[in-house]
Protein backbone atom coordinates (compact mmCIF):
# COMPACT_ATOMS: atom_id res chain seq x y z
CA GLN A 1 78.98 86.80 94.78
CA ALA A 2 77.16 86.95 91.45
CA HIS A 3 74.81 89.54 92.95
CA VAL A 4 77.78 91.66 94.08
CA ASN A 5 79.44 91.35 90.66
CA LEU A 6 76.23 92.49 88.96
CA LYS A 7 76.01 95.54 91.22
CA CYS A 8 79.67 96.39 90.48
CA THR A 9 79.04 96.06 86.73
CA LEU A 10 76.04 98.38 86.93
CA LEU A 11 77.96 100.86 89.08
CA THR A 12 80.83 100.82 86.56
CA LYS A 13 78.38 101.76 83.80
CA VAL A 14 77.11 104.64 85.94
CA ILE A 15 80.66 105.86 86.68
CA GLN A 16 81.49 105.84 82.97
CA GLN A 17 78.77 108.38 82.17
CA LYS A 18 80.28 111.77 81.36
CA ASP A 19 77.98 113.83 83.58
CA VAL A 20 78.60 111.49 86.53
CA ARG A 21 82.36 111.82 86.10
CA LEU A 22 82.02 115.61 86.10
CA LEU A 23 80.10 115.40 89.37
CA LEU A 24 82.74 113.08 90.84
CA GLY A 25 85.40 115.61 89.79
CA ASP A 26 83.54 118.27 91.75
CA LEU A 27 83.35 115.90 94.71
CA MET A 28 87.11 115.29 94.60
CA ASN A 29 87.71 119.06 94.48
CA LEU A 30 86.24 119.27 97.99
CA THR A 31 89.37 117.58 99.40
CA GLY A 32 91.17 120.86 98.73
CA MET A 33 88.57 122.92 100.58
CA ASN A 34 87.91 123.57 104.25
CA VAL A 35 84.91 121.26 104.59
CA GLY A 36 86.08 119.35 107.67
CA LEU A 37 88.44 116.45 108.33
CA GLU A 38 85.73 113.79 108.41
CA VAL A 39 84.39 114.94 105.04
CA HIS A 40 87.88 114.66 103.52
CA GLY A 41 88.14 111.09 104.82
CA THR A 42 84.68 110.17 103.54
CA ILE A 43 85.45 111.52 100.05
CA CYS A 44 88.71 109.55 99.94
CA ASN A 45 86.80 106.41 100.95
CA ILE A 46 84.23 106.95 98.18
CA ILE A 47 86.89 107.50 95.49
CA HIS A 48 88.91 104.54 96.84
CA LEU A 49 85.85 102.30 96.42
CA LEU A 50 85.14 103.58 92.90
CA CYS A 51 88.79 103.07 91.88
CA GLN A 52 88.58 99.44 92.98
CA ILE A 53 85.38 98.92 91.03
CA ASP A 54 86.52 100.73 87.86
CA ARG A 55 90.28 100.83 87.21
CA ASP A 56 89.72 103.06 84.17
CA PHE A 57 88.18 105.70 86.43
CA ALA A 58 91.35 105.69 88.58
CA ILE A 59 93.59 106.09 85.53
CA SER A 60 91.59 108.61 83.51
CA ASN A 61 90.01 110.75 86.23
CA VAL A 62 91.84 110.41 89.54
CA ILE A 63 95.57 109.95 89.03
CA ASP A 64 95.99 113.39 87.40
CA HIS A 65 93.47 115.16 89.65
CA PRO A 66 94.51 117.56 92.47
CA ILE A 67 93.07 115.02 94.93
CA VAL A 68 96.48 113.31 94.82
CA SER A 69 98.23 116.41 96.17
CA ASN A 70 95.39 116.89 98.63
CA CYS A 71 95.88 113.34 99.94
CA LEU A 72 99.58 114.05 100.49
CA ARG A 73 98.66 117.20 102.40
CA ILE A 74 96.13 115.29 104.51
CA ILE A 75 98.80 112.74 105.46
CA GLN A 76 101.27 115.45 106.47
CA THR A 77 98.76 117.53 108.46
CA SER A 78 99.31 116.74 112.14
CA ASP A 79 95.77 117.56 113.31
CA ASN A 80 94.12 115.04 110.98
CA THR A 81 92.58 111.96 112.57
CA LYS A 82 94.20 108.58 111.88
CA SER A 83 91.07 107.38 110.09
CA THR A 84 91.28 110.31 107.65
CA VAL A 85 94.96 109.65 106.98
CA ILE A 86 94.26 105.93 106.44
CA SER A 87 91.55 106.85 103.90
CA ALA A 88 94.02 109.06 102.00
CA LEU A 89 96.68 106.32 102.11
CA PHE A 90 94.33 103.68 100.70
CA LEU A 91 93.43 105.93 97.78
CA LEU A 92 97.12 106.58 97.01
CA ILE A 93 97.83 102.84 97.21
CA ASP A 94 95.07 102.23 94.62
CA LEU A 95 96.67 104.74 92.26
CA LEU A 96 100.21 103.44 92.78
CA LEU A 97 99.15 99.88 91.98
CA THR A 98 97.69 100.91 88.62
CA ASN A 99 101.34 101.16 87.45
CA GLU A 100 100.27 104.18 85.42
CA PRO A 101 102.56 107.26 85.44
CA PHE A 102 101.76 110.13 87.79
CA PRO A 103 101.91 113.74 86.59
CA VAL A 104 105.39 115.19 87.15
CA HIS A 105 104.25 117.53 89.92
CA SER A 106 102.48 114.95 92.09
CA TYR A 107 105.16 112.32 91.40
CA GLY A 108 107.75 114.78 92.68
CA GLN A 109 105.65 115.34 95.80
CA ILE A 110 105.10 111.66 96.56
CA SER A 111 108.81 110.80 96.16
CA ASN A 112 110.05 113.91 97.99
CA CYS A 113 112.37 113.23 100.94
CA VAL A 114 110.37 115.56 103.23
CA PHE A 115 107.15 113.65 102.56
CA LEU A 116 108.87 110.26 102.89
CA LYS A 117 110.43 111.34 106.17
CA SER A 118 106.96 112.17 107.48
CA ILE A 119 105.81 108.65 106.55
CA PHE A 120 108.76 107.09 108.40
CA GLU A 121 107.99 109.24 111.45
CA LEU A 122 104.35 108.15 111.42
CA VAL A 123 105.42 104.48 111.36
CA GLU A 124 107.81 104.95 114.28
CA ASN A 125 105.39 107.03 116.36
CA ASN A 126 102.38 104.76 115.93
CA ASP A 127 103.79 101.34 116.77
CA ASP A 128 100.80 100.71 119.07
CA ASP A 129 98.25 101.11 116.25
CA GLU A 130 98.36 97.97 114.12
CA GLU A 131 95.98 99.13 111.37
CA PHE A 132 97.65 102.51 110.97
CA ALA A 133 101.20 101.13 110.94
CA LEU A 134 100.32 98.36 108.47
CA THR A 135 98.58 100.82 106.13
CA LEU A 136 101.66 103.08 106.16
CA ILE A 137 103.90 100.10 105.36
CA LYS A 138 101.53 98.98 102.61
CA PHE A 139 101.83 102.46 101.10
CA LEU A 140 105.65 102.32 101.25
CA LEU A 141 105.71 98.86 99.66
CA SER A 142 103.38 99.92 96.83
CA LEU A 143 105.45 103.06 96.22
CA ASN A 144 108.69 101.06 96.30
CA LEU A 145 107.44 98.90 93.42
CA ARG A 146 107.73 102.02 91.25
CA PHE A 147 111.54 102.18 91.52
CA ASP A 148 113.80 99.78 89.63
CA ILE A 149 117.30 101.02 90.54
CA PRO A 150 118.15 100.81 94.28
CA ARG A 151 120.82 103.52 94.23
CA GLU A 152 118.29 105.95 92.69
CA ASN A 153 115.36 104.83 94.83
CA PRO A 154 114.16 107.86 96.87
CA ILE A 155 112.85 105.59 99.63
CA MET A 156 116.29 104.03 100.16
CA LEU A 157 118.05 107.39 99.81
CA THR A 158 115.74 108.98 102.38
CA LEU A 159 116.12 106.07 104.81
CA VAL A 160 119.88 106.62 104.83
CA ALA A 161 119.58 110.42 104.97
CA VAL A 162 117.28 110.44 108.02
CA ASN A 163 118.88 107.50 109.81
CA GLU A 164 120.54 109.65 112.47
CA GLN A 165 117.27 111.50 113.14
CA ILE A 166 114.87 108.54 112.95
CA SER A 167 115.89 104.99 113.81
CA CYS A 168 113.23 103.43 111.51
CA ARG A 169 113.51 100.40 113.78
CA GLU A 170 109.77 99.84 113.90
CA LEU A 171 109.65 99.79 110.10
CA MET A 172 112.48 97.26 109.82
CA GLU A 173 111.04 94.98 112.50
CA ARG A 174 107.60 94.98 110.90
CA LEU A 175 109.05 94.23 107.46
CA ILE A 176 111.11 91.34 108.86
CA LEU A 177 107.97 90.02 110.59
CA LEU A 178 106.05 90.11 107.30
CA PHE A 179 108.99 88.42 105.57
CA ASN A 180 109.09 85.71 108.25
CA ARG A 181 105.36 85.07 107.90
CA GLY A 182 105.56 84.99 104.12
CA VAL A 183 102.95 87.74 103.95
CA ASP A 184 102.88 90.28 101.13
CA PRO A 185 100.32 93.00 102.02
CA ILE A 186 100.28 94.17 98.40
CA GLU A 187 99.54 90.72 96.96
CA CYS A 188 101.24 91.73 93.73
CA LYS A 189 100.88 89.00 91.09
CA THR A 190 104.29 89.47 89.49
CA LEU A 191 106.55 90.44 92.38
CA ASN A 192 106.71 89.99 96.15
CA SER A 193 106.80 93.57 97.44
CA VAL A 194 108.46 92.64 100.77
CA ILE A 195 111.28 90.72 99.07
CA LYS A 196 111.63 93.62 96.60
CA PHE A 197 112.07 96.04 99.52
CA PHE A 198 114.82 93.92 101.08
CA LYS A 199 116.52 93.47 97.71
CA ASP A 200 116.62 97.25 97.38
CA LEU A 201 118.08 97.53 100.89
CA PHE A 202 120.95 95.25 99.89
CA GLY A 203 121.12 96.38 96.28
CA ASP A 204 123.34 99.45 96.69
CA GLN A 205 126.58 97.85 97.87
CA ALA A 206 124.91 97.34 101.29
CA THR A 207 125.07 101.06 102.19
CA THR A 208 121.39 101.16 103.12
CA SER A 209 121.31 97.79 104.87
CA ASP A 210 124.41 98.68 106.91
CA ALA A 211 122.67 101.81 108.17
CA LEU A 212 119.34 100.18 109.00
CA LEU A 213 119.89 96.52 109.90
CA PHE A 214 121.64 94.86 112.82
CA ASP A 215 123.85 91.80 112.29
CA SER A 216 121.15 89.77 114.01
CA ASP A 217 118.62 91.06 111.44
CA ARG A 218 120.76 89.82 108.57
CA ARG A 219 121.23 86.42 110.18
CA LEU A 220 117.48 86.15 110.75
CA ILE A 221 116.74 87.06 107.12
CA VAL A 222 119.16 84.35 105.94
CA GLU A 223 117.52 81.85 108.31
CA ILE A 224 114.12 82.69 106.83
CA ILE A 225 115.47 82.30 103.28
CA SER A 226 117.00 78.95 104.24
CA ARG A 227 113.65 77.73 105.54
CA GLU A 228 111.81 78.92 102.43
CA LEU A 229 114.31 77.20 100.12
CA ALA A 230 113.80 73.94 102.02
CA ASP A 231 110.00 74.18 102.01
CA ARG A 232 109.35 75.26 98.41
CA SER A 233 109.21 73.04 95.34
CA PHE A 234 111.95 73.15 92.72
CA THR A 235 109.52 74.65 90.19
CA ASP A 236 108.30 77.45 92.49
CA GLU A 237 109.19 80.75 90.82
CA THR A 238 109.21 82.55 94.18
CA THR A 239 112.34 80.52 95.01
CA THR A 240 114.16 82.64 92.43
CA GLU A 241 113.32 85.80 94.39
CA TYR A 242 114.64 84.28 97.62
CA LEU A 243 117.85 83.12 95.93
CA SER A 244 118.33 86.53 94.34
CA LEU A 245 117.97 88.22 97.75
CA LEU A 246 120.38 85.72 99.32
CA GLU A 247 122.95 86.45 96.61
CA LEU A 248 122.73 90.19 97.39
CA ILE A 249 123.10 89.60 101.13
CA LEU A 250 126.12 87.35 100.67
CA ARG A 251 127.66 89.81 98.22
CA SER A 252 127.58 92.46 100.96
CA ARG A 253 129.97 90.24 102.99
CA SER A 254 127.86 90.79 106.10
CA ILE A 255 127.20 87.03 106.29
CA THR A 256 130.32 84.85 106.31
CA VAL A 257 131.41 81.34 107.27
CA ASP A 258 132.04 82.65 110.79
CA ASN A 259 128.57 84.03 111.51
CA CYS A 260 126.21 82.11 109.21
CA THR A 261 123.93 79.95 111.34
CA ARG A 262 122.41 78.04 108.43
CA THR A 263 125.42 76.88 106.43
CA GLU A 264 124.47 73.19 106.43
CA ASP A 265 120.81 73.92 105.68
CA LEU A 266 121.76 76.10 102.71
CA GLN A 267 124.17 73.45 101.44
CA THR A 268 121.42 70.82 101.66
CA SER A 269 119.00 73.02 99.70
CA PHE A 270 121.62 73.91 97.08
CA ARG A 271 122.52 70.25 96.62
CA ALA A 272 118.87 69.26 96.25
CA HIS A 273 118.23 71.96 93.66
CA LEU A 274 121.32 71.14 91.62
CA TYR A 275 120.46 67.43 91.51
CA ALA A 276 116.78 67.99 90.69
CA GLU A 277 115.93 67.54 87.01
CA ASN A 278 112.99 69.95 87.23
CA CYS A 279 114.92 72.75 88.94
CA LEU A 280 114.41 76.08 87.19
CA LYS A 281 117.41 77.07 85.06
CA GLU A 282 117.56 80.54 86.61
CA ASN A 283 117.75 79.00 90.07
CA ARG A 284 120.62 76.74 89.02
CA LEU A 285 122.49 79.74 87.68
CA LEU A 286 121.91 81.73 90.85
CA ILE A 287 123.07 78.88 93.08
CA ASN A 288 126.20 78.35 91.02
CA ASP A 289 126.93 82.05 91.11
CA ILE A 290 126.62 82.00 94.90
CA LEU A 291 128.90 78.96 95.17
CA ARG A 292 131.57 80.50 92.93
CA GLN A 293 131.66 83.67 95.01
CA HIS A 294 131.39 81.97 98.41
CA ASN A 295 133.18 78.64 98.28
CA TRP A 296 132.59 78.05 102.00
CA LEU A 297 129.06 77.06 100.98
CA THR A 298 130.24 74.29 98.63
CA THR A 299 130.63 70.59 99.41
CA ASN A 300 132.54 67.90 97.53
CA ASP A 301 129.35 66.15 96.41
CA MET A 302 127.73 69.31 95.03
CA PRO A 303 127.37 69.18 91.22
CA PHE A 304 128.07 72.37 89.34
CA TYR A 305 125.72 73.32 86.56
CA LEU A 306 127.54 74.59 83.48
């Protein structure tokens, strides 16, 4: 590992040289030229590797380069091989996870409903290709981290707009599977990207979730949340994310006393959290908010936190 780190350090110093960066700029320009599909994929792989080694290179030399628009074109070009599209997706994921702003033009392209629709279509039409489908979903999750307001989120708006043309069922099932396994493909340190996606689905008065999820999906999501609440410690900050998602689902009124299959399990978890001295304050507040709005989840021996 030390040997690898040393090589990366030396490579970073090489990348930082002005003449090398000019040459890399010329290399990236080739993605906009007719040099062959495999060459485009190879260039994206090289720049993807360099971005992972040197984050500053991604921010100062790549994010505002035409290679971003070229990657979007590669993804939308039907005659490109899957391996070339995957290479372009990985490079875009690198840039999205820098959290640095994109130029207005390329940001408009990447959040455009036509482009997003093409991504949804690729997910639905490639359900038999695990690597390709997972890379597409990883791209959507990394892009979704960029949007804070669900009702203004272009991903959610496009999902609703194309719902009658594309079922997006494969996307929903894969996201629920990741949620059930507790897997976050992005491995974001500050936020679970899968939970964030579901919170955005339920965050616009349930309009998006109503269009995309079955009743059985909602019940399954609540069952998963119930299990996670029971398994996690009272001081686990991820519990707050699960409680926040549960509050949004319950607020949508799609889960009620009549169809909730985990009422007793939720009550047990709520009671345990409220009695625990080391329970996070934010979690206590969320639980009490849920109980005030949905009194069918309360029990006589459940202490309220004031």
